[in-house]
């Protein structure tokens, strides 16, 4: 099956949407396995994406019952839908237009770093008031690697589906 992009196929067909969502699920699972299981098992920091998403909801809407569940939903919606949309409709088209010679893996790594900046500087710091990049502690570096893993897994799966 091919989902190659052309001007006529730039709209999101149901098949393309399904593939995007599946790739997002697998990439988010890889992110969570790395940051919430592997790194603490090896003695490194444990990522806490759901608590950060919960904090964001409380910052934006005030305290409310069910915020923790909402944080979990927001974390998964971000990894399954919003980050994939950013890659497919923003990062990849910009890379193709500006630097078409750059390999997809490099585009994915750069996108992962951009996601990390968005999560730890924009959301954690500017929105929620935490120290910038969570004070450059162990979680900072686990989050960097985790976001790059997310982007590389997503891009690899999505590009494989295009073939």
C-alpha atoms as a PDB file:
ATOM      1  CA  UNK A   1       0.000   0.000   0.000  1.00  0.00           C
ATOM      2  CA  UNK A   2       1.305   3.429  -0.805  1.00  0.00           C
ATOM      3  CA  UNK A   3       0.412   6.728   0.766  1.00  0.00           C
ATOM      4  CA  UNK A   4       2.847   8.813  -1.244  1.00  0.00           C
ATOM      5  CA  UNK A   5       2.135  12.511  -1.243  1.00  0.00           C
ATOM      6  CA  UNK A   6       1.264  14.384  -4.380  1.00  0.00           C
ATOM      7  CA  UNK A   7      -0.723  17.574  -4.802  1.00  0.00           C
ATOM      8  CA  UNK A   8      -3.855  15.532  -5.456  1.00  0.00           C
ATOM      9  CA  UNK A   9      -3.306  13.308  -2.414  1.00  0.00           C
ATOM     10  CA  UNK A  10      -2.309  16.012   0.069  1.00  0.00           C
ATOM     11  CA  UNK A  11      -5.682  15.674   1.795  1.00  0.00           C
ATOM     12  CA  UNK A  12      -5.854  13.204   4.653  1.00  0.00           C
ATOM     13  CA  UNK A  13      -7.674  10.146   3.327  1.00  0.00           C
ATOM     14  CA  UNK A  14      -9.161   7.691   5.825  1.00  0.00           C
ATOM     15  CA  UNK A  15      -6.335   5.242   5.077  1.00  0.00           C
ATOM     16  CA  UNK A  16      -3.665   7.902   5.591  1.00  0.00           C
ATOM     17  CA  UNK A  17      -5.334   9.004   8.828  1.00  0.00           C
ATOM     18  CA  UNK A  18      -5.457   5.417  10.085  1.00  0.00           C
ATOM     19  CA  UNK A  19      -1.763   4.925   9.270  1.00  0.00           C
ATOM     20  CA  UNK A  20      -0.873   8.236  10.948  1.00  0.00           C
ATOM     21  CA  UNK A  21      -2.761   7.191  14.104  1.00  0.00           C
ATOM     22  CA  UNK A  22      -1.215   3.709  14.236  1.00  0.00           C
ATOM     23  CA  UNK A  23       2.274   5.162  13.782  1.00  0.00           C
ATOM     24  CA  UNK A  24       1.500   7.667  16.548  1.00  0.00           C
ATOM     25  CA  UNK A  25       0.337   4.896  18.901  1.00  0.00           C
ATOM     26  CA  UNK A  26       3.493   2.847  18.337  1.00  0.00           C
ATOM     27  CA  UNK A  27       5.767   5.894  18.674  1.00  0.00           C
ATOM     28  CA  UNK A  28       4.037   6.981  21.898  1.00  0.00           C
ATOM     29  CA  UNK A  29       4.299   3.457  23.295  1.00  0.00           C
ATOM     30  CA  UNK A  30       8.036   3.486  22.461  1.00  0.00           C
ATOM     31  CA  UNK A  31       8.393   6.875  24.185  1.00  0.00           C
ATOM     32  CA  UNK A  32       6.595   5.611  27.288  1.00  0.00           C
ATOM     33  CA  UNK A  33       8.473   2.292  27.390  1.00  0.00           C
ATOM     34  CA  UNK A  34      11.762   4.145  27.163  1.00  0.00           C
ATOM     35  CA  UNK A  35      11.014   6.948  29.591  1.00  0.00           C
ATOM     36  CA  UNK A  36       8.754   5.254  32.117  1.00  0.00           C
ATOM     37  CA  UNK A  37      10.178   1.742  32.182  1.00  0.00           C
ATOM     38  CA  UNK A  38      13.668   1.397  30.665  1.00  0.00           C
ATOM     39  CA  UNK A  39      15.364   4.495  32.054  1.00  0.00           C
ATOM     40  CA  UNK A  40      14.186   4.062  35.660  1.00  0.00           C
ATOM     41  CA  UNK A  41      15.039   0.344  35.431  1.00  0.00           C
ATOM     42  CA  UNK A  42      18.580   1.371  34.484  1.00  0.00           C
ATOM     43  CA  UNK A  43      18.762   3.908  37.328  1.00  0.00           C
ATOM     44  CA  UNK A  44      18.046   7.055  35.341  1.00  0.00           C
ATOM     45  CA  UNK A  45      15.187   9.539  35.662  1.00  0.00           C
ATOM     46  CA  UNK A  46      11.614   8.474  34.972  1.00  0.00           C
ATOM     47  CA  UNK A  47       9.557  10.601  32.608  1.00  0.00           C
ATOM     48  CA  UNK A  48       6.252  11.923  33.871  1.00  0.00           C
ATOM     49  CA  UNK A  49       4.322  13.042  30.777  1.00  0.00           C
ATOM     50  CA  UNK A  50       0.879  12.459  32.277  1.00  0.00           C
ATOM     51  CA  UNK A  51       1.581  14.622  35.370  1.00  0.00           C
ATOM     52  CA  UNK A  52       2.939  17.388  33.119  1.00  0.00           C
ATOM     53  CA  UNK A  53      -0.191  17.208  30.949  1.00  0.00           C
ATOM     54  CA  UNK A  54      -2.348  17.207  34.101  1.00  0.00           C
ATOM     55  CA  UNK A  55      -0.480  20.277  35.366  1.00  0.00           C
ATOM     56  CA  UNK A  56      -1.134  21.972  32.028  1.00  0.00           C
ATOM     57  CA  UNK A  57      -4.859  21.270  32.242  1.00  0.00           C
ATOM     58  CA  UNK A  58      -4.971  22.634  35.805  1.00  0.00           C
ATOM     59  CA  UNK A  59      -2.979  25.712  34.773  1.00  0.00           C
ATOM     60  CA  UNK A  60      -5.340  26.421  31.897  1.00  0.00           C
ATOM     61  CA  UNK A  61      -8.669  25.459  33.513  1.00  0.00           C
ATOM     62  CA  UNK A  62      -8.057  25.501  37.265  1.00  0.00           C
ATOM     63  CA  UNK A  63      -8.395  22.527  39.585  1.00  0.00           C
ATOM     64  CA  UNK A  64     -11.090  20.073  38.548  1.00  0.00           C
ATOM     65  CA  UNK A  65     -12.045  16.508  39.257  1.00  0.00           C
ATOM     66  CA  UNK A  66     -10.720  14.153  36.628  1.00  0.00           C
ATOM     67  CA  UNK A  67      -7.682  16.261  35.758  1.00  0.00           C
ATOM     68  CA  UNK A  68      -5.370  13.238  36.103  1.00  0.00           C
ATOM     69  CA  UNK A  69      -7.467  11.245  33.659  1.00  0.00           C
ATOM     70  CA  UNK A  70      -7.544  14.272  31.385  1.00  0.00           C
ATOM     71  CA  UNK A  71      -3.748  14.471  31.617  1.00  0.00           C
ATOM     72  CA  UNK A  72      -3.424  10.872  30.479  1.00  0.00           C
ATOM     73  CA  UNK A  73      -5.808  11.514  27.595  1.00  0.00           C
ATOM     74  CA  UNK A  74      -3.942  14.714  26.658  1.00  0.00           C
ATOM     75  CA  UNK A  75      -0.578  12.886  26.715  1.00  0.00           C
ATOM     76  CA  UNK A  76      -1.861  10.165  24.392  1.00  0.00           C
ATOM     77  CA  UNK A  77      -3.734  12.605  22.124  1.00  0.00           C
ATOM     78  CA  UNK A  78      -0.538  14.597  21.780  1.00  0.00           C
ATOM     79  CA  UNK A  79       1.565  11.559  20.869  1.00  0.00           C
ATOM     80  CA  UNK A  80      -1.030   9.852  18.698  1.00  0.00           C
ATOM     81  CA  UNK A  81      -2.507  12.845  16.863  1.00  0.00           C
ATOM     82  CA  UNK A  82      -0.919  16.251  17.449  1.00  0.00           C
ATOM     83  CA  UNK A  83       2.796  15.362  17.140  1.00  0.00           C
ATOM     84  CA  UNK A  84       2.117  13.227  14.033  1.00  0.00           C
ATOM     85  CA  UNK A  85       0.186  16.060  12.397  1.00  0.00           C
ATOM     86  CA  UNK A  86       3.116  18.380  13.116  1.00  0.00           C
ATOM     87  CA  UNK A  87       5.554  15.994  11.478  1.00  0.00           C
ATOM     88  CA  UNK A  88       3.460  15.136   8.410  1.00  0.00           C
ATOM     89  CA  UNK A  89       2.029  18.593   7.680  1.00  0.00           C
ATOM     90  CA  UNK A  90       4.691  20.984   9.014  1.00  0.00           C
ATOM     91  CA  UNK A  91       8.167  19.497   9.612  1.00  0.00           C
ATOM     92  CA  UNK A  92       8.370  17.224   6.601  1.00  0.00           C
ATOM     93  CA  UNK A  93       7.010  19.742   4.055  1.00  0.00           C
ATOM     94  CA  UNK A  94       9.360  22.440   5.359  1.00  0.00           C
ATOM     95  CA  UNK A  95      12.308  20.052   5.180  1.00  0.00           C
ATOM     96  CA  UNK A  96      11.356  19.011   1.638  1.00  0.00           C
ATOM     97  CA  UNK A  97      11.089  22.653   0.533  1.00  0.00           C
ATOM     98  CA  UNK A  98      14.175  24.029   2.290  1.00  0.00           C
ATOM     99  CA  UNK A  99      16.562  21.072   2.509  1.00  0.00           C
ATOM    100  CA  UNK A 100      15.343  18.306   0.192  1.00  0.00           C
ATOM    101  CA  UNK A 101      18.742  16.560   0.318  1.00  0.00           C
ATOM    102  CA  UNK A 102      18.553  15.968   4.082  1.00  0.00           C
ATOM    103  CA  UNK A 103      17.735  12.328   4.924  1.00  0.00           C
ATOM    104  CA  UNK A 104      14.422  11.610   6.641  1.00  0.00           C
ATOM    105  CA  UNK A 105      16.202  10.324   9.764  1.00  0.00           C
ATOM    106  CA  UNK A 106      17.851  13.727  10.238  1.00  0.00           C
ATOM    107  CA  UNK A 107      14.500  15.487   9.771  1.00  0.00           C
ATOM    108  CA  UNK A 108      13.019  13.161  12.408  1.00  0.00           C
ATOM    109  CA  UNK A 109      15.838  13.817  14.895  1.00  0.00           C
ATOM    110  CA  UNK A 110      15.507  17.584  14.444  1.00  0.00           C
ATOM    111  CA  UNK A 111      11.732  17.282  14.869  1.00  0.00           C
ATOM    112  CA  UNK A 112      12.273  15.253  18.059  1.00  0.00           C
ATOM    113  CA  UNK A 113      14.529  17.991  19.440  1.00  0.00           C
ATOM    114  CA  UNK A 114      11.880  20.587  18.537  1.00  0.00           C
ATOM    115  CA  UNK A 115       9.242  18.521  20.384  1.00  0.00           C
ATOM    116  CA  UNK A 116      11.540  18.380  23.415  1.00  0.00           C
ATOM    117  CA  UNK A 117      11.940  22.189  23.372  1.00  0.00           C
ATOM    118  CA  UNK A 118       8.165  22.550  23.044  1.00  0.00           C
ATOM    119  CA  UNK A 119       7.476  20.142  25.941  1.00  0.00           C
ATOM    120  CA  UNK A 120      10.158  21.270  28.388  1.00  0.00           C
ATOM    121  CA  UNK A 121      10.416  24.956  27.614  1.00  0.00           C
ATOM    122  CA  UNK A 122       7.069  26.065  26.222  1.00  0.00           C
ATOM    123  CA  UNK A 123       4.705  23.771  28.129  1.00  0.00           C
ATOM    124  CA  UNK A 124       6.630  22.968  31.329  1.00  0.00           C
ATOM    125  CA  UNK A 125       8.195  26.421  31.757  1.00  0.00           C
ATOM    126  CA  UNK A 126       6.207  29.111  29.948  1.00  0.00           C
ATOM    127  CA  UNK A 127       2.749  27.597  30.483  1.00  0.00           C
ATOM    128  CA  UNK A 128       3.182  25.798  33.811  1.00  0.00           C
ATOM    129  CA  UNK A 129       5.868  27.888  35.505  1.00  0.00           C
ATOM    130  CA  UNK A 130       8.367  25.082  36.147  1.00  0.00           C
ATOM    131  CA  UNK A 131      12.078  25.824  35.765  1.00  0.00           C
ATOM    132  CA  UNK A 132      13.155  26.029  32.130  1.00  0.00           C
ATOM    133  CA  UNK A 133      13.982  22.547  30.833  1.00  0.00           C
ATOM    134  CA  UNK A 134      13.074  21.287  34.314  1.00  0.00           C
ATOM    135  CA  UNK A 135      16.299  22.774  35.701  1.00  0.00           C
ATOM    136  CA  UNK A 136      18.548  20.639  33.486  1.00  0.00           C
ATOM    137  CA  UNK A 137      18.217  17.593  35.710  1.00  0.00           C
ATOM    138  CA  UNK A 138      18.280  13.931  34.692  1.00  0.00           C
ATOM    139  CA  UNK A 139      14.715  14.087  33.434  1.00  0.00           C
ATOM    140  CA  UNK A 140      15.794  16.750  30.929  1.00  0.00           C
ATOM    141  CA  UNK A 141      18.103  14.364  29.107  1.00  0.00           C
ATOM    142  CA  UNK A 142      15.765  11.384  29.314  1.00  0.00           C
ATOM    143  CA  UNK A 143      13.054  13.604  27.816  1.00  0.00           C
ATOM    144  CA  UNK A 144      15.389  14.686  25.003  1.00  0.00           C
ATOM    145  CA  UNK A 145      16.210  11.103  24.076  1.00  0.00           C
ATOM    146  CA  UNK A 146      12.560  10.085  24.500  1.00  0.00           C
ATOM    147  CA  UNK A 147      11.280  12.778  22.147  1.00  0.00           C
ATOM    148  CA  UNK A 148      13.910  11.876  19.561  1.00  0.00           C
ATOM    149  CA  UNK A 149      12.927   8.197  19.903  1.00  0.00           C
ATOM    150  CA  UNK A 150       9.284   9.162  19.397  1.00  0.00           C
ATOM    151  CA  UNK A 151      10.107  11.109  16.224  1.00  0.00           C
ATOM    152  CA  UNK A 152      12.421   8.475  14.749  1.00  0.00           C
ATOM    153  CA  UNK A 153       9.962   5.629  15.417  1.00  0.00           C
ATOM    154  CA  UNK A 154       7.079   7.640  13.988  1.00  0.00           C
ATOM    155  CA  UNK A 155       8.988   8.750  10.889  1.00  0.00           C
ATOM    156  CA  UNK A 156      10.369   5.266  10.196  1.00  0.00           C
ATOM    157  CA  UNK A 157       6.932   3.680  10.398  1.00  0.00           C
ATOM    158  CA  UNK A 158       5.222   6.421   8.439  1.00  0.00           C
ATOM    159  CA  UNK A 159       7.848   6.385   5.682  1.00  0.00           C
ATOM    160  CA  UNK A 160       7.691   2.575   5.533  1.00  0.00           C
ATOM    161  CA  UNK A 161       3.926   2.824   5.018  1.00  0.00           C
ATOM    162  CA  UNK A 162       4.509   5.228   2.124  1.00  0.00           C
ATOM    163  CA  UNK A 163       6.480   2.608   0.215  1.00  0.00           C
END
